[in-house]
PDB file of N, CA and C in Angstrom:
ATOM      1  N   UNK A   1       4.856  27.864 -16.162  1.00  0.00           N
ATOM      2  CA  UNK A   1       4.143  26.637 -16.407  1.00  0.00           C
ATOM      3  C   UNK A   1       5.067  25.430 -16.264  1.00  0.00           C
ATOM      4  N   UNK A   2       6.305  25.550 -16.700  1.00  0.00           N
ATOM      5  CA  UNK A   2       7.257  24.441 -16.603  1.00  0.00           C
ATOM      6  C   UNK A   2       7.511  24.068 -15.152  1.00  0.00           C
ATOM      7  N   UNK A   3       7.545  25.078 -14.259  1.00  0.00           N
ATOM      8  CA  UNK A   3       7.759  24.800 -12.838  1.00  0.00           C
ATOM      9  C   UNK A   3       6.610  23.980 -12.258  1.00  0.00           C
ATOM     10  N   UNK A   4       5.381  24.288 -12.641  1.00  0.00           N
ATOM     11  CA  UNK A   4       4.210  23.552 -12.166  1.00  0.00           C
ATOM     12  C   UNK A   4       4.257  22.109 -12.641  1.00  0.00           C
ATOM     13  N   UNK A   5       4.636  21.910 -13.903  1.00  0.00           N
ATOM     14  CA  UNK A   5       4.737  20.552 -14.440  1.00  0.00           C
ATOM     15  C   UNK A   5       5.824  19.767 -13.722  1.00  0.00           C
ATOM     16  N   UNK A   6       6.935  20.446 -13.385  1.00  0.00           N
ATOM     17  CA  UNK A   6       8.036  19.795 -12.683  1.00  0.00           C
ATOM     18  C   UNK A   6       7.594  19.379 -11.283  1.00  0.00           C
ATOM     19  N   UNK A   7       6.869  20.246 -10.581  1.00  0.00           N
ATOM     20  CA  UNK A   7       6.366  19.930  -9.247  1.00  0.00           C
ATOM     21  C   UNK A   7       5.377  18.775  -9.327  1.00  0.00           C
ATOM     22  N   UNK A   8       4.461  18.814 -10.311  1.00  0.00           N
ATOM     23  CA  UNK A   8       3.492  17.741 -10.490  1.00  0.00           C
ATOM     24  C   UNK A   8       4.184  16.405 -10.758  1.00  0.00           C
ATOM     25  N   UNK A   9       5.211  16.418 -11.598  1.00  0.00           N
ATOM     26  CA  UNK A   9       5.948  15.193 -11.920  1.00  0.00           C
ATOM     27  C   UNK A   9       6.652  14.645 -10.683  1.00  0.00           C
ATOM     28  N   UNK A  10       7.233  15.539  -9.890  1.00  0.00           N
ATOM     29  CA  UNK A  10       7.896  15.128  -8.657  1.00  0.00           C
ATOM     30  C   UNK A  10       6.899  14.505  -7.684  1.00  0.00           C
ATOM     31  N   UNK A  11       5.743  15.136  -7.540  1.00  0.00           N
ATOM     32  CA  UNK A  11       4.705  14.622  -6.643  1.00  0.00           C
ATOM     33  C   UNK A  11       4.221  13.251  -7.114  1.00  0.00           C
ATOM     34  N   UNK A  12       4.040  13.099  -8.420  1.00  0.00           N
ATOM     35  CA  UNK A  12       3.587  11.808  -8.960  1.00  0.00           C
ATOM     36  C   UNK A  12       4.620  10.709  -8.732  1.00  0.00           C
ATOM     37  N   UNK A  13       5.903  11.050  -8.864  1.00  0.00           N
ATOM     38  CA  UNK A  13       6.958  10.060  -8.588  1.00  0.00           C
ATOM     39  C   UNK A  13       6.939   9.656  -7.116  1.00  0.00           C
ATOM     40  N   UNK A  14       6.729  10.625  -6.226  1.00  0.00           N
ATOM     41  CA  UNK A  14       6.669  10.331  -4.793  1.00  0.00           C
ATOM     42  C   UNK A  14       5.460   9.440  -4.490  1.00  0.00           C
ATOM     43  N   UNK A  15       4.311   9.743  -5.086  1.00  0.00           N
ATOM     44  CA  UNK A  15       3.108   8.920  -4.911  1.00  0.00           C
ATOM     45  C   UNK A  15       3.400   7.488  -5.361  1.00  0.00           C
ATOM     46  N   UNK A  16       4.029   7.349  -6.516  1.00  0.00           N
ATOM     47  CA  UNK A  16       4.336   6.018  -7.053  1.00  0.00           C
ATOM     48  C   UNK A  16       5.292   5.248  -6.156  1.00  0.00           C
ATOM     49  N   UNK A  17       6.324   5.921  -5.649  1.00  0.00           N
ATOM     50  CA  UNK A  17       7.286   5.250  -4.751  1.00  0.00           C
ATOM     51  C   UNK A  17       6.603   4.798  -3.474  1.00  0.00           C
ATOM     52  N   UNK A  18       5.780   5.667  -2.882  1.00  0.00           N
ATOM     53  CA  UNK A  18       5.068   5.300  -1.663  1.00  0.00           C
ATOM     54  C   UNK A  18       4.093   4.154  -1.917  1.00  0.00           C
ATOM     55  N   UNK A  19       3.355   4.225  -3.015  1.00  0.00           N
ATOM     56  CA  UNK A  19       2.402   3.160  -3.353  1.00  0.00           C
ATOM     57  C   UNK A  19       3.128   1.831  -3.530  1.00  0.00           C
ATOM     58  N   UNK A  20       4.303   1.859  -4.155  1.00  0.00           N
ATOM     59  CA  UNK A  20       5.089   0.644  -4.334  1.00  0.00           C
ATOM     60  C   UNK A  20       5.487   0.053  -2.981  1.00  0.00           C
ATOM     61  N   UNK A  21       5.923   0.896  -2.050  1.00  0.00           N
ATOM     62  CA  UNK A  21       6.321   0.423  -0.717  1.00  0.00           C
ATOM     63  C   UNK A  21       5.117  -0.105   0.056  1.00  0.00           C
ATOM     64  N   UNK A  22       3.963   0.535  -0.086  1.00  0.00           N
ATOM     65  CA  UNK A  22       2.744   0.063   0.570  1.00  0.00           C
ATOM     66  C   UNK A  22       2.349  -1.302   0.019  1.00  0.00           C
ATOM     67  N   UNK A  23       2.400  -1.449  -1.296  1.00  0.00           N
ATOM     68  CA  UNK A  23       2.063  -2.714  -1.941  1.00  0.00           C
ATOM     69  C   UNK A  23       3.024  -3.819  -1.502  1.00  0.00           C
ATOM     70  N   UNK A  24       4.310  -3.512  -1.415  1.00  0.00           N
ATOM     71  CA  UNK A  24       5.302  -4.494  -0.974  1.00  0.00           C
ATOM     72  C   UNK A  24       5.023  -4.924   0.465  1.00  0.00           C
ATOM     73  N   UNK A  25       4.672  -3.967   1.322  1.00  0.00           N
ATOM     74  CA  UNK A  25       4.328  -4.289   2.709  1.00  0.00           C
ATOM     75  C   UNK A  25       3.119  -5.215   2.739  1.00  0.00           C
ATOM     76  N   UNK A  26       2.096  -4.879   1.961  1.00  0.00           N
ATOM     77  CA  UNK A  26       0.875  -5.689   1.926  1.00  0.00           C
ATOM     78  C   UNK A  26       1.179  -7.111   1.466  1.00  0.00           C
ATOM     79  N   UNK A  27       2.004  -7.272   0.455  1.00  0.00           N
ATOM     80  CA  UNK A  27       2.366  -8.610  -0.027  1.00  0.00           C
ATOM     81  C   UNK A  27       3.113  -9.398   1.036  1.00  0.00           C
ATOM     82  N   UNK A  28       3.994  -8.728   1.758  1.00  0.00           N
ATOM     83  CA  UNK A  28       4.795  -9.402   2.785  1.00  0.00           C
ATOM     84  C   UNK A  28       3.978  -9.788   4.015  1.00  0.00           C
ATOM     85  N   UNK A  29       2.834  -9.135   4.211  1.00  0.00           N
ATOM     86  CA  UNK A  29       2.048  -9.361   5.433  1.00  0.00           C
ATOM     87  C   UNK A  29       0.648  -9.905   5.162  1.00  0.00           C
ATOM     88  N   UNK A  30       0.433 -10.472   4.001  1.00  0.00           N
ATOM     89  CA  UNK A  30      -0.856 -11.089   3.692  1.00  0.00           C
ATOM     90  C   UNK A  30      -1.990 -10.108   3.499  1.00  0.00           C
ATOM     91  N   UNK A  31      -1.666  -8.891   3.124  1.00  0.00           N
ATOM     92  CA  UNK A  31      -2.641  -7.817   2.966  1.00  0.00           C
ATOM     93  C   UNK A  31      -2.355  -6.721   3.976  1.00  0.00           C
ATOM     94  N   UNK A  32      -2.969  -5.577   3.794  1.00  0.00           N
ATOM     95  CA  UNK A  32      -2.719  -4.464   4.709  1.00  0.00           C
ATOM     96  C   UNK A  32      -3.875  -3.479   4.695  1.00  0.00           C
ATOM     97  N   UNK A  33      -3.986  -2.758   5.794  1.00  0.00           N
ATOM     98  CA  UNK A  33      -4.908  -1.642   5.932  1.00  0.00           C
ATOM     99  C   UNK A  33      -4.071  -0.470   6.425  1.00  0.00           C
ATOM    100  N   UNK A  34      -4.591   0.737   6.297  1.00  0.00           N
ATOM    101  CA  UNK A  34      -3.807   1.883   6.694  1.00  0.00           C
ATOM    102  C   UNK A  34      -4.626   3.018   7.258  1.00  0.00           C
ATOM    103  N   UNK A  35      -3.902   4.016   7.732  1.00  0.00           N
ATOM    104  CA  UNK A  35      -4.502   5.241   8.244  1.00  0.00           C
ATOM    105  C   UNK A  35      -3.531   6.373   7.945  1.00  0.00           C
ATOM    106  N   UNK A  36      -4.052   7.495   7.471  1.00  0.00           N
ATOM    107  CA  UNK A  36      -3.234   8.668   7.150  1.00  0.00           C
ATOM    108  C   UNK A  36      -3.475   9.726   8.216  1.00  0.00           C
ATOM    109  N   UNK A  37      -2.380  10.227   8.791  1.00  0.00           N
ATOM    110  CA  UNK A  37      -2.492  11.252   9.826  1.00  0.00           C
ATOM    111  C   UNK A  37      -1.568  12.428   9.505  1.00  0.00           C
ATOM    112  N   UNK A  38      -2.097  13.622   9.559  1.00  0.00           N
ATOM    113  CA  UNK A  38      -1.312  14.844   9.355  1.00  0.00           C
ATOM    114  C   UNK A  38      -0.337  14.982  10.519  1.00  0.00           C
ATOM    115  N   UNK A  39       0.937  15.255  10.228  1.00  0.00           N
ATOM    116  CA  UNK A  39       1.926  15.403  11.301  1.00  0.00           C
ATOM    117  C   UNK A  39       2.606  16.771  11.271  1.00  0.00           C
ATOM    118  N   UNK A  40       1.892  17.763  10.804  1.00  0.00           N
ATOM    119  CA  UNK A  40       2.426  19.122  10.809  1.00  0.00           C
ATOM    120  C   UNK A  40       3.263  19.416   9.580  1.00  0.00           C
ATOM    121  N   UNK A  41       4.292  20.223   9.748  1.00  0.00           N
ATOM    122  CA  UNK A  41       5.120  20.658   8.631  1.00  0.00           C
ATOM    123  C   UNK A  41       5.810  19.504   7.914  1.00  0.00           C
ATOM    124  N   UNK A  42       6.028  18.394   8.607  1.00  0.00           N
ATOM    125  CA  UNK A  42       6.703  17.242   7.987  1.00  0.00           C
ATOM    126  C   UNK A  42       5.815  16.545   6.982  1.00  0.00           C
ATOM    127  N   UNK A  43       4.512  16.736   7.037  1.00  0.00           N
ATOM    128  CA  UNK A  43       3.624  16.108   6.071  1.00  0.00           C
ATOM    129  C   UNK A  43       2.586  15.212   6.705  1.00  0.00           C
ATOM    130  N   UNK A  44       2.611  13.927   6.327  1.00  0.00           N
ATOM    131  CA  UNK A  44       1.610  12.988   6.814  1.00  0.00           C
ATOM    132  C   UNK A  44       2.259  11.632   7.054  1.00  0.00           C
ATOM    133  N   UNK A  45       1.742  10.945   8.041  1.00  0.00           N
ATOM    134  CA  UNK A  45       2.223   9.608   8.388  1.00  0.00           C
ATOM    135  C   UNK A  45       1.207   8.597   7.879  1.00  0.00           C
ATOM    136  N   UNK A  46       1.696   7.590   7.184  1.00  0.00           N
ATOM    137  CA  UNK A  46       0.857   6.491   6.730  1.00  0.00           C
ATOM    138  C   UNK A  46       1.176   5.304   7.634  1.00  0.00           C
ATOM    139  N   UNK A  47       0.237   4.929   8.491  1.00  0.00           N
ATOM    140  CA  UNK A  47       0.420   3.780   9.371  1.00  0.00           C
ATOM    141  C   UNK A  47      -0.166   2.572   8.647  1.00  0.00           C
ATOM    142  N   UNK A  48       0.616   1.503   8.555  1.00  0.00           N
ATOM    143  CA  UNK A  48       0.191   0.285   7.881  1.00  0.00           C
ATOM    144  C   UNK A  48       0.100  -0.859   8.887  1.00  0.00           C
ATOM    145  N   UNK A  49      -0.959  -1.637   8.788  1.00  0.00           N
ATOM    146  CA  UNK A  49      -1.120  -2.825   9.630  1.00  0.00           C
ATOM    147  C   UNK A  49      -1.418  -3.994   8.701  1.00  0.00           C
ATOM    148  N   UNK A  50      -0.559  -5.012   8.777  1.00  0.00           N
ATOM    149  CA  UNK A  50      -0.731  -6.187   7.942  1.00  0.00           C
ATOM    150  C   UNK A  50      -1.751  -7.147   8.520  1.00  0.00           C
ATOM    151  N   UNK A  51      -2.246  -8.041   7.682  1.00  0.00           N
ATOM    152  CA  UNK A  51      -3.197  -9.056   8.133  1.00  0.00           C
ATOM    153  C   UNK A  51      -2.581  -9.969   9.184  1.00  0.00           C
ATOM    154  N   UNK A  52      -1.256 -10.084   9.197  1.00  0.00           N
ATOM    155  CA  UNK A  52      -0.575 -10.921  10.177  1.00  0.00           C
ATOM    156  C   UNK A  52      -0.258 -10.165  11.469  1.00  0.00           C
ATOM    157  N   UNK A  53      -0.685  -8.908  11.568  1.00  0.00           N
ATOM    158  CA  UNK A  53      -0.439  -8.103  12.767  1.00  0.00           C
ATOM    159  C   UNK A  53       0.833  -7.284  12.699  1.00  0.00           C
ATOM    160  N   UNK A  54       1.660  -7.511  11.686  1.00  0.00           N
ATOM    161  CA  UNK A  54       2.856  -6.697  11.516  1.00  0.00           C
ATOM    162  C   UNK A  54       2.464  -5.270  11.182  1.00  0.00           C
ATOM    163  N   UNK A  55       3.302  -4.331  11.561  1.00  0.00           N
ATOM    164  CA  UNK A  55       2.953  -2.938  11.314  1.00  0.00           C
ATOM    165  C   UNK A  55       4.189  -2.135  10.936  1.00  0.00           C
ATOM    166  N   UNK A  56       3.947  -1.002  10.345  1.00  0.00           N
ATOM    167  CA  UNK A  56       5.014  -0.102   9.951  1.00  0.00           C
ATOM    168  C   UNK A  56       4.423   1.232   9.566  1.00  0.00           C
ATOM    169  N   UNK A  57       5.276   2.164   9.237  1.00  0.00           N
ATOM    170  CA  UNK A  57       4.767   3.459   8.809  1.00  0.00           C
ATOM    171  C   UNK A  57       5.699   4.097   7.793  1.00  0.00           C
ATOM    172  N   UNK A  58       5.130   5.017   7.058  1.00  0.00           N
ATOM    173  CA  UNK A  58       5.848   5.792   6.057  1.00  0.00           C
ATOM    174  C   UNK A  58       5.488   7.254   6.264  1.00  0.00           C
ATOM    175  N   UNK A  59       6.381   8.152   5.870  1.00  0.00           N
ATOM    176  CA  UNK A  59       6.081   9.578   5.947  1.00  0.00           C
ATOM    177  C   UNK A  59       6.031  10.139   4.535  1.00  0.00           C
ATOM    178  N   UNK A  60       4.959  10.837   4.236  1.00  0.00           N
ATOM    179  CA  UNK A  60       4.766  11.495   2.951  1.00  0.00           C
ATOM    180  C   UNK A  60       4.921  12.999   3.149  1.00  0.00           C
ATOM    181  N   UNK A  61       5.342  13.728   2.119  1.00  0.00           N
ATOM    182  CA  UNK A  61       5.543  15.173   2.274  1.00  0.00           C
ATOM    183  C   UNK A  61       4.252  15.976   2.465  1.00  0.00           C
ATOM    184  N   UNK A  62       3.097  15.359   2.151  1.00  0.00           N
ATOM    185  CA  UNK A  62       1.821  16.051   2.358  1.00  0.00           C
ATOM    186  C   UNK A  62       0.711  15.016   2.551  1.00  0.00           C
ATOM    187  N   UNK A  63      -0.379  15.461   3.132  1.00  0.00           N
ATOM    188  CA  UNK A  63      -1.536  14.590   3.315  1.00  0.00           C
ATOM    189  C   UNK A  63      -2.098  14.179   1.962  1.00  0.00           C
ATOM    190  N   UNK A  64      -2.112  15.083   1.009  1.00  0.00           N
ATOM    191  CA  UNK A  64      -2.633  14.774  -0.325  1.00  0.00           C
ATOM    192  C   UNK A  64      -1.818  13.673  -0.997  1.00  0.00           C
ATOM    193  N   UNK A  65      -0.503  13.759  -0.924  1.00  0.00           N
ATOM    194  CA  UNK A  65       0.344  12.726  -1.512  1.00  0.00           C
ATOM    195  C   UNK A  65       0.131  11.397  -0.796  1.00  0.00           C
ATOM    196  N   UNK A  66      -0.004  11.425   0.522  1.00  0.00           N
ATOM    197  CA  UNK A  66      -0.261  10.197   1.286  1.00  0.00           C
ATOM    198  C   UNK A  66      -1.574   9.564   0.858  1.00  0.00           C
ATOM    199  N   UNK A  67      -2.611  10.360   0.731  1.00  0.00           N
ATOM    200  CA  UNK A  67      -3.922   9.826   0.327  1.00  0.00           C
ATOM    201  C   UNK A  67      -3.882   9.252  -1.092  1.00  0.00           C
ATOM    202  N   UNK A  68      -3.184   9.926  -1.986  1.00  0.00           N
ATOM    203  CA  UNK A  68      -3.054   9.412  -3.351  1.00  0.00           C
ATOM    204  C   UNK A  68      -2.295   8.081  -3.361  1.00  0.00           C
ATOM    205  N   UNK A  69      -1.271   7.975  -2.519  1.00  0.00           N
ATOM    206  CA  UNK A  69      -0.461   6.751  -2.478  1.00  0.00           C
ATOM    207  C   UNK A  69      -1.267   5.559  -1.956  1.00  0.00           C
ATOM    208  N   UNK A  70      -2.040   5.754  -0.879  1.00  0.00           N
ATOM    209  CA  UNK A  70      -2.829   4.624  -0.366  1.00  0.00           C
ATOM    210  C   UNK A  70      -3.925   4.248  -1.354  1.00  0.00           C
ATOM    211  N   UNK A  71      -4.474   5.232  -2.048  1.00  0.00           N
ATOM    212  CA  UNK A  71      -5.490   4.949  -3.057  1.00  0.00           C
ATOM    213  C   UNK A  71      -4.879   4.152  -4.211  1.00  0.00           C
ATOM    214  N   UNK A  72      -3.701   4.576  -4.665  1.00  0.00           N
ATOM    215  CA  UNK A  72      -3.025   3.880  -5.758  1.00  0.00           C
ATOM    216  C   UNK A  72      -2.646   2.453  -5.357  1.00  0.00           C
ATOM    217  N   UNK A  73      -2.281   2.256  -4.092  1.00  0.00           N
ATOM    218  CA  UNK A  73      -1.920   0.927  -3.601  1.00  0.00           C
ATOM    219  C   UNK A  73      -3.153   0.042  -3.425  1.00  0.00           C
ATOM    220  N   UNK A  74      -4.323   0.656  -3.301  1.00  0.00           N
ATOM    221  CA  UNK A  74      -5.564  -0.106  -3.218  1.00  0.00           C
ATOM    222  C   UNK A  74      -5.854  -0.733  -1.868  1.00  0.00           C
ATOM    223  N   UNK A  75      -5.319  -0.158  -0.792  1.00  0.00           N
ATOM    224  CA  UNK A  75      -5.594  -0.710   0.539  1.00  0.00           C
ATOM    225  C   UNK A  75      -6.788  -0.010   1.171  1.00  0.00           C
ATOM    226  N   UNK A  76      -7.377  -0.665   2.168  1.00  0.00           N
ATOM    227  CA  UNK A  76      -8.448  -0.057   2.950  1.00  0.00           C
ATOM    228  C   UNK A  76      -7.834   0.999   3.850  1.00  0.00           C
ATOM    229  N   UNK A  77      -8.447   2.176   3.891  1.00  0.00           N
ATOM    230  CA  UNK A  77      -7.938   3.274   4.711  1.00  0.00           C
ATOM    231  C   UNK A  77      -8.971   3.621   5.774  1.00  0.00           C
ATOM    232  N   UNK A  78      -8.510   3.719   7.018  1.00  0.00           N
ATOM    233  CA  UNK A  78      -9.369   4.066   8.149  1.00  0.00           C
ATOM    234  C   UNK A  78      -9.193   5.535   8.505  1.00  0.00           C
ATOM    235  N   UNK A  79     -10.252   6.129   9.016  1.00  0.00           N
ATOM    236  CA  UNK A  79     -10.194   7.540   9.420  1.00  0.00           C
ATOM    237  C   UNK A  79      -9.388   7.734  10.701  1.00  0.00           C
ATOM    238  N   UNK A  80      -9.407   6.738  11.586  1.00  0.00           N
ATOM    239  CA  UNK A  80      -8.668   6.862  12.843  1.00  0.00           C
ATOM    240  C   UNK A  80      -8.011   5.532  13.180  1.00  0.00           C
ATOM    241  N   UNK A  81      -7.061   5.594  14.086  1.00  0.00           N
ATOM    242  CA  UNK A  81      -6.325   4.402  14.488  1.00  0.00           C
ATOM    243  C   UNK A  81      -6.891   3.936  15.827  1.00  0.00           C
ATOM    244  N   UNK A  82      -8.034   3.268  15.754  1.00  0.00           N
ATOM    245  CA  UNK A  82      -8.659   2.781  16.982  1.00  0.00           C
ATOM    246  C   UNK A  82      -9.528   1.571  16.678  1.00  0.00           C
ATOM    247  N   UNK A  83     -10.178   1.046  17.698  1.00  0.00           N
ATOM    248  CA  UNK A  83     -11.121  -0.047  17.541  1.00  0.00           C
ATOM    249  C   UNK A  83     -10.498  -1.307  16.965  1.00  0.00           C
ATOM    250  N   UNK A  84     -11.252  -1.965  16.093  1.00  0.00           N
ATOM    251  CA  UNK A  84     -10.822  -3.230  15.503  1.00  0.00           C
ATOM    252  C   UNK A  84      -9.522  -3.075  14.713  1.00  0.00           C
ATOM    253  N   UNK A  85      -9.367  -1.932  14.062  1.00  0.00           N
ATOM    254  CA  UNK A  85      -8.154  -1.697  13.277  1.00  0.00           C
ATOM    255  C   UNK A  85      -6.917  -1.721  14.179  1.00  0.00           C
ATOM    256  N   UNK A  86      -6.936  -0.957  15.259  1.00  0.00           N
ATOM    257  CA  UNK A  86      -5.799  -0.907  16.183  1.00  0.00           C
ATOM    258  C   UNK A  86      -5.567  -2.254  16.850  1.00  0.00           C
ATOM    259  N   UNK A  87      -6.628  -2.999  17.096  1.00  0.00           N
ATOM    260  CA  UNK A  87      -6.517  -4.301  17.759  1.00  0.00           C
ATOM    261  C   UNK A  87      -5.789  -5.331  16.902  1.00  0.00           C
ATOM    262  N   UNK A  88      -5.656  -5.082  15.599  1.00  0.00           N
ATOM    263  CA  UNK A  88      -4.952  -6.013  14.712  1.00  0.00           C
ATOM    264  C   UNK A  88      -3.434  -5.975  14.901  1.00  0.00           C
ATOM    265  N   UNK A  89      -2.914  -4.906  15.492  1.00  0.00           N
ATOM    266  CA  UNK A  89      -1.468  -4.753  15.653  1.00  0.00           C
ATOM    267  C   UNK A  89      -0.946  -5.766  16.673  1.00  0.00           C
ATOM    268  N   UNK A  90       0.108  -6.461  16.288  1.00  0.00           N
ATOM    269  CA  UNK A  90       0.773  -7.400  17.188  1.00  0.00           C
ATOM    270  C   UNK A  90       2.136  -6.818  17.521  1.00  0.00           C
ATOM    271  N   UNK A  91       2.398  -6.662  18.798  1.00  0.00           N
ATOM    272  CA  UNK A  91       3.673  -6.104  19.240  1.00  0.00           C
ATOM    273  C   UNK A  91       4.550  -7.205  19.814  1.00  0.00           C
ATOM    274  N   UNK A  92       5.822  -6.969  19.770  1.00  0.00           N
ATOM    275  CA  UNK A  92       6.791  -7.928  20.295  1.00  0.00           C
ATOM    276  C   UNK A  92       7.433  -7.420  21.572  1.00  0.00           C
ATOM    277  N   UNK A  93       8.431  -8.152  22.023  1.00  0.00           N
ATOM    278  CA  UNK A  93       9.120  -7.814  23.272  1.00  0.00           C
ATOM    279  C   UNK A  93       9.753  -6.424  23.217  1.00  0.00           C
ATOM    280  N   UNK A  94      10.310  -6.057  22.072  1.00  0.00           N
ATOM    281  CA  UNK A  94      10.953  -4.752  21.942  1.00  0.00           C
ATOM    282  C   UNK A  94       9.968  -3.622  22.235  1.00  0.00           C
ATOM    283  N   UNK A  95       8.782  -3.687  21.604  1.00  0.00           N
ATOM    284  CA  UNK A  95       7.790  -2.633  21.803  1.00  0.00           C
ATOM    285  C   UNK A  95       7.331  -2.560  23.249  1.00  0.00           C
ATOM    286  N   UNK A  96       7.088  -3.718  23.875  1.00  0.00           N
ATOM    287  CA  UNK A  96       6.648  -3.728  25.272  1.00  0.00           C
ATOM    288  C   UNK A  96       7.719  -3.157  26.185  1.00  0.00           C
ATOM    289  N   UNK A  97       8.973  -3.479  25.912  1.00  0.00           N
ATOM    290  CA  UNK A  97      10.073  -2.949  26.725  1.00  0.00           C
ATOM    291  C   UNK A  97      10.148  -1.432  26.580  1.00  0.00           C
ATOM    292  N   UNK A  98      10.032  -0.941  25.336  1.00  0.00           N
ATOM    293  CA  UNK A  98      10.071   0.505  25.101  1.00  0.00           C
ATOM    294  C   UNK A  98       8.905   1.213  25.790  1.00  0.00           C
ATOM    295  N   UNK A  99       7.697   0.639  25.677  1.00  0.00           N
ATOM    296  CA  UNK A  99       6.531   1.273  26.302  1.00  0.00           C
ATOM    297  C   UNK A  99       6.684   1.303  27.813  1.00  0.00           C
ATOM    298  N   UNK A 100       7.179   0.233  28.392  1.00  0.00           N
ATOM    299  CA  UNK A 100       7.364   0.182  29.841  1.00  0.00           C
ATOM    300  C   UNK A 100       8.426   1.194  30.264  1.00  0.00           C
ATOM    301  N   UNK A 101       9.486   1.295  29.476  1.00  0.00           N
ATOM    302  CA  UNK A 101      10.551   2.242  29.797  1.00  0.00           C
ATOM    303  C   UNK A 101      10.088   3.673  29.769  1.00  0.00           C
ATOM    304  N   UNK A 102       9.210   3.999  28.811  1.00  0.00           N
ATOM    305  CA  UNK A 102       8.683   5.351  28.715  1.00  0.00           C
ATOM    306  C   UNK A 102       7.800   5.658  29.906  1.00  0.00           C
ATOM    307  N   UNK A 103       6.977   4.701  30.328  1.00  0.00           N
ATOM    308  CA  UNK A 103       6.070   4.914  31.447  1.00  0.00           C
ATOM    309  C   UNK A 103       6.791   5.082  32.769  1.00  0.00           C
ATOM    310  N   UNK A 104       7.936   4.416  32.934  1.00  0.00           N
ATOM    311  CA  UNK A 104       8.657   4.538  34.192  1.00  0.00           C
ATOM    312  C   UNK A 104       9.809   5.523  34.100  1.00  0.00           C
ATOM    313  N   UNK A 105       9.806   6.319  33.029  1.00  0.00           N
ATOM    314  CA  UNK A 105      10.807   7.379  32.893  1.00  0.00           C
ATOM    315  C   UNK A 105      12.108   6.938  32.281  1.00  0.00           C
ATOM    316  N   UNK A 106      12.156   5.776  31.640  1.00  0.00           N
ATOM    317  CA  UNK A 106      13.396   5.245  31.061  1.00  0.00           C
ATOM    318  C   UNK A 106      13.682   5.658  29.691  1.00  0.00           C
TER     319      UNK A 106
END
């Protein structure tokens, strides 16, 4: 039983840390929306898009922890990264250069 409580406490601390980082991102970008995507054995990726078009991501050890963190942070969560949500992302010169380099084999 002690092992289960220890795992639960660890998971709750991780949820709290992620929620804090999500909240900080939202404050820095005038609000935020997100999307949680399973990324295999590594867990889940939380993609964040700010109201100003800034974006970032976090990795959680599981989809459940990621979902709990976005819920605790109180942001809107989308099922997929497309449509109006994806259109909010603003990219800079670095991203365009990287995308072009990948397309031409760079």
